[in-house]
Amino acid sequence: GFAGAELLRLAASHPSLEVVFATGDSQAGTKVGDLYPHLYAAYP
C-alpha cells in the first residue's frame, strides 16, 4: 500500500536498515519493483 511503499522508499536510503521482507497479500508473488518501478534499483 501507499504507506508501506513510502516506508520502503525511506528505508532504501537509510544506511543502517536492511529490509528483509515485505508483505502484501493482494500482491503476493509480485516483485516490489514491478509494482513500484521507482523502488526497483533498491529492491531488485
PDB file of all heavy atoms in Angstrom:
ATOM      1  N   GLY A   1       0.822  -1.208   0.000  1.00  0.00           N
ATOM      2  CA  GLY A   1       0.000   0.000   0.000  1.00  0.00           C
ATOM      3  C   GLY A   1       0.850   1.248   0.000  1.00  0.00           C
ATOM      4  O   GLY A   1       2.086   1.192   0.034  1.00  0.00           O
ATOM      5  N   PHE A   2       0.195   2.407  -0.036  1.00  0.00           N
ATOM      6  CA  PHE A   2       0.905   3.680  -0.124  1.00  0.00           C
ATOM      7  C   PHE A   2       1.892   3.869   1.022  1.00  0.00           C
ATOM      8  O   PHE A   2       3.065   4.176   0.801  1.00  0.00           O
ATOM      9  CB  PHE A   2      -0.088   4.851  -0.153  1.00  0.00           C
ATOM     10  CG  PHE A   2       0.593   6.185  -0.100  1.00  0.00           C
ATOM     11  CD1 PHE A   2       1.182   6.706  -1.238  1.00  0.00           C
ATOM     12  CD2 PHE A   2       0.674   6.898   1.083  1.00  0.00           C
ATOM     13  CE1 PHE A   2       1.841   7.931  -1.195  1.00  0.00           C
ATOM     14  CE2 PHE A   2       1.324   8.120   1.137  1.00  0.00           C
ATOM     15  CZ  PHE A   2       1.909   8.639  -0.002  1.00  0.00           C
ATOM     16  N   ALA A   3       1.429   3.707   2.263  1.00  0.00           N
ATOM     17  CA  ALA A   3       2.308   3.944   3.421  1.00  0.00           C
ATOM     18  C   ALA A   3       3.465   2.951   3.441  1.00  0.00           C
ATOM     19  O   ALA A   3       4.610   3.325   3.718  1.00  0.00           O
ATOM     20  CB  ALA A   3       1.510   3.866   4.717  1.00  0.00           C
ATOM     21  N   GLY A   4       3.191   1.693   3.162  1.00  0.00           N
ATOM     22  CA  GLY A   4       4.244   0.690   3.150  1.00  0.00           C
ATOM     23  C   GLY A   4       5.272   0.945   2.065  1.00  0.00           C
ATOM     24  O   GLY A   4       6.479   0.797   2.283  1.00  0.00           O
ATOM     25  N   ALA A   5       4.811   1.344   0.891  1.00  0.00           N
ATOM     26  CA  ALA A   5       5.733   1.640  -0.209  1.00  0.00           C
ATOM     27  C   ALA A   5       6.591   2.862   0.117  1.00  0.00           C
ATOM     28  O   ALA A   5       7.785   2.890  -0.189  1.00  0.00           O
ATOM     29  CB  ALA A   5       4.958   1.865  -1.505  1.00  0.00           C
ATOM     30  N   GLU A   6       5.996   3.846   0.758  1.00  0.00           N
ATOM     31  CA  GLU A   6       6.766   5.022   1.159  1.00  0.00           C
ATOM     32  C   GLU A   6       7.819   4.630   2.195  1.00  0.00           C
ATOM     33  O   GLU A   6       8.940   5.127   2.173  1.00  0.00           O
ATOM     34  CB  GLU A   6       5.829   6.101   1.690  1.00  0.00           C
ATOM     35  CG  GLU A   6       6.505   7.402   2.025  1.00  0.00           C
ATOM     36  CD  GLU A   6       7.150   8.116   0.833  1.00  0.00           C
ATOM     37  OE1 GLU A   6       6.964   7.703  -0.324  1.00  0.00           O
ATOM     38  OE2 GLU A   6       7.882   9.091   1.075  1.00  0.00           O
ATOM     39  N   LEU A   7       7.451   3.741   3.088  1.00  0.00           N
ATOM     40  CA  LEU A   7       8.415   3.262   4.075  1.00  0.00           C
ATOM     41  C   LEU A   7       9.566   2.515   3.397  1.00  0.00           C
ATOM     42  O   LEU A   7      10.726   2.698   3.758  1.00  0.00           O
ATOM     43  CB  LEU A   7       7.730   2.371   5.098  1.00  0.00           C
ATOM     44  CG  LEU A   7       8.676   1.852   6.159  1.00  0.00           C
ATOM     45  CD1 LEU A   7       9.255   2.992   6.975  1.00  0.00           C
ATOM     46  CD2 LEU A   7       7.988   0.900   7.064  1.00  0.00           C
ATOM     47  N   LEU A   8       9.260   1.700   2.402  1.00  0.00           N
ATOM     48  CA  LEU A   8      10.322   1.019   1.649  1.00  0.00           C
ATOM     49  C   LEU A   8      11.249   2.036   0.995  1.00  0.00           C
ATOM     50  O   LEU A   8      12.476   1.861   0.988  1.00  0.00           O
ATOM     51  CB  LEU A   8       9.723   0.094   0.587  1.00  0.00           C
ATOM     52  CG  LEU A   8       9.042  -1.171   1.088  1.00  0.00           C
ATOM     53  CD1 LEU A   8       8.376  -1.901  -0.072  1.00  0.00           C
ATOM     54  CD2 LEU A   8      10.011  -2.080   1.811  1.00  0.00           C
ATOM     55  N   ARG A   9      10.681   3.111   0.452  1.00  0.00           N
ATOM     56  CA  ARG A   9      11.491   4.147  -0.178  1.00  0.00           C
ATOM     57  C   ARG A   9      12.439   4.785   0.837  1.00  0.00           C
ATOM     58  O   ARG A   9      13.630   4.960   0.573  1.00  0.00           O
ATOM     59  CB  ARG A   9      10.598   5.220  -0.815  1.00  0.00           C
ATOM     60  CG  ARG A   9      11.389   6.287  -1.578  1.00  0.00           C
ATOM     61  CD  ARG A   9      10.502   7.435  -2.010  1.00  0.00           C
ATOM     62  NE  ARG A   9      10.011   8.225  -0.899  1.00  0.00           N
ATOM     63  CZ  ARG A   9      10.721   9.135  -0.232  1.00  0.00           C
ATOM     64  NH1 ARG A   9      11.987   9.350  -0.526  1.00  0.00           N
ATOM     65  NH2 ARG A   9      10.172   9.820   0.754  1.00  0.00           N
ATOM     66  N   LEU A  10      11.905   5.127   2.011  1.00  0.00           N
ATOM     67  CA  LEU A  10      12.731   5.744   3.047  1.00  0.00           C
ATOM     68  C   LEU A  10      13.801   4.782   3.559  1.00  0.00           C
ATOM     69  O   LEU A  10      14.950   5.168   3.764  1.00  0.00           O
ATOM     70  CB  LEU A  10      11.853   6.224   4.200  1.00  0.00           C
ATOM     71  CG  LEU A  10      10.920   7.393   3.874  1.00  0.00           C
ATOM     72  CD1 LEU A  10       9.905   7.585   4.996  1.00  0.00           C
ATOM     73  CD2 LEU A  10      11.705   8.648   3.613  1.00  0.00           C
ATOM     74  N   ALA A  11      13.430   3.528   3.756  1.00  0.00           N
ATOM     75  CA  ALA A  11      14.388   2.528   4.251  1.00  0.00           C
ATOM     76  C   ALA A  11      15.514   2.300   3.255  1.00  0.00           C
ATOM     77  O   ALA A  11      16.661   2.063   3.650  1.00  0.00           O
ATOM     78  CB  ALA A  11      13.671   1.217   4.560  1.00  0.00           C
ATOM     79  N   ALA A  12      15.220   2.393   1.974  1.00  0.00           N
ATOM     80  CA  ALA A  12      16.237   2.155   0.942  1.00  0.00           C
ATOM     81  C   ALA A  12      17.381   3.155   1.028  1.00  0.00           C
ATOM     82  O   ALA A  12      18.521   2.829   0.697  1.00  0.00           O
ATOM     83  CB  ALA A  12      15.598   2.210  -0.438  1.00  0.00           C
ATOM     84  N   SER A  13      17.089   4.360   1.498  1.00  0.00           N
ATOM     85  CA  SER A  13      18.148   5.372   1.570  1.00  0.00           C
ATOM     86  C   SER A  13      18.783   5.475   2.955  1.00  0.00           C
ATOM     87  O   SER A  13      19.657   6.303   3.172  1.00  0.00           O
ATOM     88  CB  SER A  13      17.587   6.736   1.145  1.00  0.00           C
ATOM     89  OG  SER A  13      16.589   7.154   2.051  1.00  0.00           O
ATOM     90  N   HIS A  14      18.360   4.618   3.865  1.00  0.00           N
ATOM     91  CA  HIS A  14      18.930   4.649   5.217  1.00  0.00           C
ATOM     92  C   HIS A  14      20.108   3.670   5.277  1.00  0.00           C
ATOM     93  O   HIS A  14      19.963   2.483   4.991  1.00  0.00           O
ATOM     94  CB  HIS A  14      17.873   4.263   6.253  1.00  0.00           C
ATOM     95  CG  HIS A  14      18.270   4.608   7.649  1.00  0.00           C
ATOM     96  ND1 HIS A  14      19.269   3.932   8.319  1.00  0.00           N
ATOM     97  CD2 HIS A  14      17.825   5.555   8.496  1.00  0.00           C
ATOM     98  CE1 HIS A  14      19.410   4.445   9.521  1.00  0.00           C
ATOM     99  NE2 HIS A  14      18.551   5.442   9.657  1.00  0.00           N
ATOM    100  N   PRO A  15      21.272   4.148   5.673  1.00  0.00           N
ATOM    101  CA  PRO A  15      22.466   3.288   5.636  1.00  0.00           C
ATOM    102  C   PRO A  15      22.478   2.150   6.655  1.00  0.00           C
ATOM    103  O   PRO A  15      23.259   1.208   6.508  1.00  0.00           O
ATOM    104  CB  PRO A  15      23.607   4.271   5.930  1.00  0.00           C
ATOM    105  CG  PRO A  15      22.974   5.387   6.688  1.00  0.00           C
ATOM    106  CD  PRO A  15      21.571   5.498   6.151  1.00  0.00           C
ATOM    107  N   SER A  16      21.603   2.193   7.665  1.00  0.00           N
ATOM    108  CA  SER A  16      21.632   1.159   8.704  1.00  0.00           C
ATOM    109  C   SER A  16      20.440   0.213   8.663  1.00  0.00           C
ATOM    110  O   SER A  16      20.281  -0.599   9.558  1.00  0.00           O
ATOM    111  CB  SER A  16      21.688   1.821  10.084  1.00  0.00           C
ATOM    112  OG  SER A  16      22.844   2.598  10.202  1.00  0.00           O
ATOM    113  N   LEU A  17      19.585   0.339   7.648  1.00  0.00           N
ATOM    114  CA  LEU A  17      18.398  -0.514   7.575  1.00  0.00           C
ATOM    115  C   LEU A  17      18.508  -1.502   6.423  1.00  0.00           C
ATOM    116  O   LEU A  17      18.888  -1.137   5.315  1.00  0.00           O
ATOM    117  CB  LEU A  17      17.132   0.328   7.391  1.00  0.00           C
ATOM    118  CG  LEU A  17      16.794   1.316   8.494  1.00  0.00           C
ATOM    119  CD1 LEU A  17      15.514   2.067   8.158  1.00  0.00           C
ATOM    120  CD2 LEU A  17      16.676   0.623   9.851  1.00  0.00           C
ATOM    121  N   GLU A  18      18.160  -2.743   6.726  1.00  0.00           N
ATOM    122  CA  GLU A  18      18.088  -3.786   5.705  1.00  0.00           C
ATOM    123  C   GLU A  18      16.675  -4.360   5.721  1.00  0.00           C
ATOM    124  O   GLU A  18      16.267  -4.980   6.706  1.00  0.00           O
ATOM    125  CB  GLU A  18      19.098  -4.904   6.009  1.00  0.00           C
ATOM    126  CG  GLU A  18      18.994  -6.064   5.052  1.00  0.00           C
ATOM    127  CD  GLU A  18      19.803  -7.271   5.490  1.00  0.00           C
ATOM    128  OE1 GLU A  18      20.506  -7.203   6.530  1.00  0.00           O
ATOM    129  OE2 GLU A  18      19.714  -8.309   4.814  1.00  0.00           O
ATOM    130  N   VAL A  19      15.934  -4.152   4.643  1.00  0.00           N
ATOM    131  CA  VAL A  19      14.581  -4.694   4.544  1.00  0.00           C
ATOM    132  C   VAL A  19      14.699  -6.174   4.192  1.00  0.00           C
ATOM    133  O   VAL A  19      15.217  -6.541   3.139  1.00  0.00           O
ATOM    134  CB  VAL A  19      13.729  -3.937   3.506  1.00  0.00           C
ATOM    135  CG1 VAL A  19      12.368  -4.601   3.345  1.00  0.00           C
ATOM    136  CG2 VAL A  19      13.565  -2.470   3.927  1.00  0.00           C
ATOM    137  N   VAL A  20      14.207  -7.019   5.097  1.00  0.00           N
ATOM    138  CA  VAL A  20      14.318  -8.466   4.949  1.00  0.00           C
ATOM    139  C   VAL A  20      13.106  -9.046   4.237  1.00  0.00           C
ATOM    140  O   VAL A  20      13.218  -9.978   3.454  1.00  0.00           O
ATOM    141  CB  VAL A  20      14.506  -9.129   6.336  1.00  0.00           C
ATOM    142  CG1 VAL A  20      14.510 -10.626   6.242  1.00  0.00           C
ATOM    143  CG2 VAL A  20      15.786  -8.621   6.985  1.00  0.00           C
ATOM    144  N   PHE A  21      11.923  -8.496   4.520  1.00  0.00           N
ATOM    145  CA  PHE A  21      10.722  -8.956   3.828  1.00  0.00           C
ATOM    146  C   PHE A  21       9.727  -7.817   3.713  1.00  0.00           C
ATOM    147  O   PHE A  21       9.779  -6.833   4.444  1.00  0.00           O
ATOM    148  CB  PHE A  21      10.078 -10.167   4.520  1.00  0.00           C
ATOM    149  CG  PHE A  21       9.340  -9.834   5.794  1.00  0.00           C
ATOM    150  CD1 PHE A  21       8.059  -9.299   5.770  1.00  0.00           C
ATOM    151  CD2 PHE A  21       9.921 -10.059   7.025  1.00  0.00           C
ATOM    152  CE1 PHE A  21       7.390  -8.986   6.941  1.00  0.00           C
ATOM    153  CE2 PHE A  21       9.265  -9.763   8.199  1.00  0.00           C
ATOM    154  CZ  PHE A  21       7.994  -9.218   8.156  1.00  0.00           C
ATOM    155  N   ALA A  22       8.816  -7.985   2.767  1.00  0.00           N
ATOM    156  CA  ALA A  22       7.720  -7.046   2.560  1.00  0.00           C
ATOM    157  C   ALA A  22       6.483  -7.875   2.250  1.00  0.00           C
ATOM    158  O   ALA A  22       6.510  -8.703   1.342  1.00  0.00           O
ATOM    159  CB  ALA A  22       8.032  -6.102   1.397  1.00  0.00           C
ATOM    160  N   THR A  23       5.429  -7.687   3.056  1.00  0.00           N
ATOM    161  CA  THR A  23       4.208  -8.431   2.766  1.00  0.00           C
ATOM    162  C   THR A  23       3.230  -7.550   2.016  1.00  0.00           C
ATOM    163  O   THR A  23       3.232  -6.326   2.131  1.00  0.00           O
ATOM    164  CB  THR A  23       3.505  -8.973   4.028  1.00  0.00           C
ATOM    165  OG1 THR A  23       2.863  -7.901   4.723  1.00  0.00           O
ATOM    166  CG2 THR A  23       4.463  -9.706   4.935  1.00  0.00           C
ATOM    167  N   GLY A  24       2.402  -8.202   1.270  1.00  0.00           N
ATOM    168  CA  GLY A  24       1.320  -7.563   0.537  1.00  0.00           C
ATOM    169  C   GLY A  24       0.446  -8.685   0.020  1.00  0.00           C
ATOM    170  O   GLY A  24       0.706  -9.216  -1.062  1.00  0.00           O
ATOM    171  N   ASP A  25      -0.528  -9.090   0.827  1.00  0.00           N
ATOM    172  CA  ASP A  25      -1.310 -10.278   0.486  1.00  0.00           C
ATOM    173  C   ASP A  25      -1.907 -10.225  -0.923  1.00  0.00           C
ATOM    174  O   ASP A  25      -1.860 -11.196  -1.663  1.00  0.00           O
ATOM    175  CB  ASP A  25      -2.406 -10.505   1.525  1.00  0.00           C
ATOM    176  CG  ASP A  25      -1.843 -10.979   2.855  1.00  0.00           C
ATOM    177  OD1 ASP A  25      -0.639 -11.308   2.937  1.00  0.00           O
ATOM    178  OD2 ASP A  25      -2.614 -11.032   3.826  1.00  0.00           O
ATOM    179  N   SER A  26      -2.456  -9.060  -1.315  1.00  0.00           N
ATOM    180  CA  SER A  26      -3.066  -8.969  -2.644  1.00  0.00           C
ATOM    181  C   SER A  26      -2.017  -8.918  -3.751  1.00  0.00           C
ATOM    182  O   SER A  26      -2.337  -9.142  -4.916  1.00  0.00           O
ATOM    183  CB  SER A  26      -3.978  -7.741  -2.736  1.00  0.00           C
ATOM    184  OG  SER A  26      -3.214  -6.556  -2.619  1.00  0.00           O
ATOM    185  N   GLN A  27      -0.760  -8.640  -3.398  1.00  0.00           N
ATOM    186  CA  GLN A  27       0.321  -8.577  -4.379  1.00  0.00           C
ATOM    187  C   GLN A  27       1.339  -9.698  -4.204  1.00  0.00           C
ATOM    188  O   GLN A  27       2.428  -9.644  -4.795  1.00  0.00           O
ATOM    189  CB  GLN A  27       1.037  -7.223  -4.267  1.00  0.00           C
ATOM    190  CG  GLN A  27       0.179  -6.036  -4.601  1.00  0.00           C
ATOM    191  CD  GLN A  27      -0.234  -6.015  -6.062  1.00  0.00           C
ATOM    192  OE1 GLN A  27       0.468  -6.510  -6.934  1.00  0.00           O
ATOM    193  NE2 GLN A  27      -1.401  -5.449  -6.341  1.00  0.00           N
ATOM    194  N   ALA A  28       1.005 -10.698  -3.401  1.00  0.00           N
ATOM    195  CA  ALA A  28       1.939 -11.792  -3.134  1.00  0.00           C
ATOM    196  C   ALA A  28       2.438 -12.401  -4.442  1.00  0.00           C
ATOM    197  O   ALA A  28       1.657 -12.669  -5.354  1.00  0.00           O
ATOM    198  CB  ALA A  28       1.284 -12.857  -2.269  1.00  0.00           C
ATOM    199  N   GLY A  29       3.759 -12.571  -4.519  1.00  0.00           N
ATOM    200  CA  GLY A  29       4.383 -13.121  -5.712  1.00  0.00           C
ATOM    201  C   GLY A  29       4.864 -12.063  -6.691  1.00  0.00           C
ATOM    202  O   GLY A  29       5.610 -12.368  -7.614  1.00  0.00           O
ATOM    203  N   THR A  30       4.459 -10.815  -6.485  1.00  0.00           N
ATOM    204  CA  THR A  30       4.867  -9.709  -7.360  1.00  0.00           C
ATOM    205  C   THR A  30       6.156  -9.087  -6.845  1.00  0.00           C
ATOM    206  O   THR A  30       6.299  -8.877  -5.641  1.00  0.00           O
ATOM    207  CB  THR A  30       3.756  -8.621  -7.388  1.00  0.00           C
ATOM    208  OG1 THR A  30       2.538  -9.206  -7.815  1.00  0.00           O
ATOM    209  CG2 THR A  30       4.136  -7.468  -8.298  1.00  0.00           C
ATOM    210  N   LYS A  31       7.077  -8.795  -7.726  1.00  0.00           N
ATOM    211  CA  LYS A  31       8.284  -8.088  -7.312  1.00  0.00           C
ATOM    212  C   LYS A  31       7.919  -6.654  -6.918  1.00  0.00           C
ATOM    213  O   LYS A  31       7.091  -6.020  -7.570  1.00  0.00           O
ATOM    214  CB  LYS A  31       9.316  -8.055  -8.437  1.00  0.00           C
ATOM    215  CG  LYS A  31      10.072  -9.344  -8.611  1.00  0.00           C
ATOM    216  CD  LYS A  31      11.210  -9.142  -9.587  1.00  0.00           C
ATOM    217  CE  LYS A  31      12.084 -10.381  -9.604  1.00  0.00           C
ATOM    218  NZ  LYS A  31      13.284 -10.148 -10.422  1.00  0.00           N
ATOM    219  N   VAL A  32       8.557  -6.172  -5.862  1.00  0.00           N
ATOM    220  CA  VAL A  32       8.324  -4.802  -5.401  1.00  0.00           C
ATOM    221  C   VAL A  32       8.548  -3.815  -6.547  1.00  0.00           C
ATOM    222  O   VAL A  32       7.751  -2.906  -6.774  1.00  0.00           O
ATOM    223  CB  VAL A  32       9.217  -4.468  -4.187  1.00  0.00           C
ATOM    224  CG1 VAL A  32       9.198  -2.982  -3.872  1.00  0.00           C
ATOM    225  CG2 VAL A  32       8.789  -5.286  -2.969  1.00  0.00           C
ATOM    226  N   GLY A  33       9.622  -3.998  -7.311  1.00  0.00           N
ATOM    227  CA  GLY A  33       9.950  -3.099  -8.410  1.00  0.00           C
ATOM    228  C   GLY A  33       8.973  -3.158  -9.564  1.00  0.00           C
ATOM    229  O   GLY A  33       8.871  -2.205 -10.339  1.00  0.00           O
ATOM    230  N   ASP A  34       8.249  -4.259  -9.698  1.00  0.00           N
ATOM    231  CA  ASP A  34       7.225  -4.337 -10.753  1.00  0.00           C
ATOM    232  C   ASP A  34       6.000  -3.499 -10.388  1.00  0.00           C
ATOM    233  O   ASP A  34       5.383  -2.892 -11.255  1.00  0.00           O
ATOM    234  CB  ASP A  34       6.806  -5.787 -11.005  1.00  0.00           C
ATOM    235  CG  ASP A  34       7.878  -6.590 -11.717  1.00  0.00           C
ATOM    236  OD1 ASP A  34       8.833  -5.976 -12.263  1.00  0.00           O
ATOM    237  OD2 ASP A  34       7.780  -7.837 -11.716  1.00  0.00           O
ATOM    238  N   LEU A  35       5.656  -3.491  -9.101  1.00  0.00           N
ATOM    239  CA  LEU A  35       4.515  -2.680  -8.661  1.00  0.00           C
ATOM    240  C   LEU A  35       4.920  -1.224  -8.509  1.00  0.00           C
ATOM    241  O   LEU A  35       4.156  -0.319  -8.846  1.00  0.00           O
ATOM    242  CB  LEU A  35       3.965  -3.222  -7.333  1.00  0.00           C
ATOM    243  CG  LEU A  35       2.714  -2.529  -6.803  1.00  0.00           C
ATOM    244  CD1 LEU A  35       1.543  -2.691  -7.785  1.00  0.00           C
ATOM    245  CD2 LEU A  35       2.336  -3.099  -5.445  1.00  0.00           C
ATOM    246  N   TYR A  36       6.132  -0.987  -7.996  1.00  0.00           N
ATOM    247  CA  TYR A  36       6.643   0.359  -7.770  1.00  0.00           C
ATOM    248  C   TYR A  36       7.992   0.495  -8.481  1.00  0.00           C
ATOM    249  O   TYR A  36       9.045   0.249  -7.886  1.00  0.00           O
ATOM    250  CB  TYR A  36       6.802   0.637  -6.271  1.00  0.00           C
ATOM    251  CG  TYR A  36       5.487   0.643  -5.539  1.00  0.00           C
ATOM    252  CD1 TYR A  36       5.126  -0.392  -4.676  1.00  0.00           C
ATOM    253  CD2 TYR A  36       4.588   1.693  -5.727  1.00  0.00           C
ATOM    254  CE1 TYR A  36       3.906  -0.381  -4.017  1.00  0.00           C
ATOM    255  CE2 TYR A  36       3.361   1.712  -5.075  1.00  0.00           C
ATOM    256  CZ  TYR A  36       3.029   0.672  -4.223  1.00  0.00           C
ATOM    257  OH  TYR A  36       1.825   0.694  -3.583  1.00  0.00           O
ATOM    258  N   PRO A  37       7.976   0.872  -9.761  1.00  0.00           N
ATOM    259  CA  PRO A  37       9.222   0.941 -10.531  1.00  0.00           C
ATOM    260  C   PRO A  37      10.297   1.829  -9.900  1.00  0.00           C
ATOM    261  O   PRO A  37      11.488   1.549 -10.060  1.00  0.00           O
ATOM    262  CB  PRO A  37       8.772   1.504 -11.892  1.00  0.00           C
ATOM    263  CG  PRO A  37       7.351   1.076 -12.009  1.00  0.00           C
ATOM    264  CD  PRO A  37       6.796   1.148 -10.598  1.00  0.00           C
ATOM    265  N   HIS A  38       9.901   2.851  -9.169  1.00  0.00           N
ATOM    266  CA  HIS A  38      10.903   3.718  -8.540  1.00  0.00           C
ATOM    267  C   HIS A  38      11.675   3.005  -7.430  1.00  0.00           C
ATOM    268  O   HIS A  38      12.703   3.497  -6.976  1.00  0.00           O
ATOM    269  CB  HIS A  38      10.252   4.999  -8.002  1.00  0.00           C
ATOM    270  CG  HIS A  38       9.323   4.795  -6.849  1.00  0.00           C
ATOM    271  ND1 HIS A  38       8.055   4.253  -6.995  1.00  0.00           N
ATOM    272  CD2 HIS A  38       9.474   5.057  -5.536  1.00  0.00           C
ATOM    273  CE1 HIS A  38       7.470   4.185  -5.814  1.00  0.00           C
ATOM    274  NE2 HIS A  38       8.312   4.667  -4.906  1.00  0.00           N
ATOM    275  N   LEU A  39      11.211   1.822  -7.007  1.00  0.00           N
ATOM    276  CA  LEU A  39      11.900   1.052  -5.975  1.00  0.00           C
ATOM    277  C   LEU A  39      12.729  -0.101  -6.543  1.00  0.00           C
ATOM    278  O   LEU A  39      13.381  -0.821  -5.801  1.00  0.00           O
ATOM    279  CB  LEU A  39      10.886   0.496  -4.961  1.00  0.00           C
ATOM    280  CG  LEU A  39      10.134   1.533  -4.135  1.00  0.00           C
ATOM    281  CD1 LEU A  39       9.080   0.863  -3.262  1.00  0.00           C
ATOM    282  CD2 LEU A  39      11.105   2.340  -3.280  1.00  0.00           C
ATOM    283  N   TYR A  40      12.702  -0.268  -7.863  1.00  0.00           N
ATOM    284  CA  TYR A  40      13.395  -1.401  -8.469  1.00  0.00           C
ATOM    285  C   TYR A  40      14.888  -1.414  -8.156  1.00  0.00           C
ATOM    286  O   TYR A  40      15.449  -2.448  -7.799  1.00  0.00           O
ATOM    287  CB  TYR A  40      13.188  -1.437  -9.986  1.00  0.00           C
ATOM    288  CG  TYR A  40      13.918  -2.599 -10.614  1.00  0.00           C
ATOM    289  CD1 TYR A  40      13.362  -3.873 -10.555  1.00  0.00           C
ATOM    290  CD2 TYR A  40      15.175  -2.446 -11.187  1.00  0.00           C
ATOM    291  CE1 TYR A  40      14.038  -4.964 -11.088  1.00  0.00           C
ATOM    292  CE2 TYR A  40      15.860  -3.525 -11.715  1.00  0.00           C
ATOM    293  CZ  TYR A  40      15.289  -4.779 -11.658  1.00  0.00           C
ATOM    294  OH  TYR A  40      15.965  -5.862 -12.164  1.00  0.00           O
ATOM    295  N   ALA A  41      15.553  -0.286  -8.273  1.00  0.00           N
ATOM    296  CA  ALA A  41      17.006  -0.252  -8.040  1.00  0.00           C
ATOM    297  C   ALA A  41      17.362  -0.634  -6.611  1.00  0.00           C
ATOM    298  O   ALA A  41      18.368  -1.297  -6.371  1.00  0.00           O
ATOM    299  CB  ALA A  41      17.557   1.144  -8.364  1.00  0.00           C
ATOM    300  N   ALA A  42      16.528  -0.251  -5.665  1.00  0.00           N
ATOM    301  CA  ALA A  42      16.798  -0.553  -4.257  1.00  0.00           C
ATOM    302  C   ALA A  42      16.458  -1.997  -3.903  1.00  0.00           C
ATOM    303  O   ALA A  42      17.106  -2.592  -3.033  1.00  0.00           O
ATOM    304  CB  ALA A  42      16.004   0.393  -3.363  1.00  0.00           C
ATOM    305  N   TYR A  43      15.442  -2.546  -4.558  1.00  0.00           N
ATOM    306  CA  TYR A  43      14.957  -3.893  -4.209  1.00  0.00           C
ATOM    307  C   TYR A  43      14.734  -4.731  -5.474  1.00  0.00           C
ATOM    308  O   TYR A  43      13.604  -5.150  -5.766  1.00  0.00           O
ATOM    309  CB  TYR A  43      13.632  -3.788  -3.437  1.00  0.00           C
ATOM    310  CG  TYR A  43      13.702  -2.906  -2.221  1.00  0.00           C
ATOM    311  CD1 TYR A  43      13.103  -1.641  -2.206  1.00  0.00           C
ATOM    312  CD2 TYR A  43      14.356  -3.325  -1.064  1.00  0.00           C
ATOM    313  CE1 TYR A  43      13.153  -0.825  -1.077  1.00  0.00           C
ATOM    314  CE2 TYR A  43      14.410  -2.519   0.062  1.00  0.00           C
ATOM    315  CZ  TYR A  43      13.808  -1.272   0.047  1.00  0.00           C
ATOM    316  OH  TYR A  43      13.861  -0.471   1.163  1.00  0.00           O
ATOM    317  N   PRO A  44      15.782  -5.025  -6.226  1.00  0.00           N
ATOM    318  CA  PRO A  44      15.582  -5.739  -7.495  1.00  0.00           C
ATOM    319  C   PRO A  44      15.030  -7.159  -7.334  1.00  0.00           C
ATOM    320  O   PRO A  44      14.369  -7.661  -8.245  1.00  0.00           O
ATOM    321  CB  PRO A  44      16.981  -5.763  -8.111  1.00  0.00           C
ATOM    322  CG  PRO A  44      17.919  -5.595  -6.959  1.00  0.00           C
ATOM    323  CD  PRO A  44      17.188  -4.747  -5.961  1.00  0.00           C
TER     324      PRO A  44
END
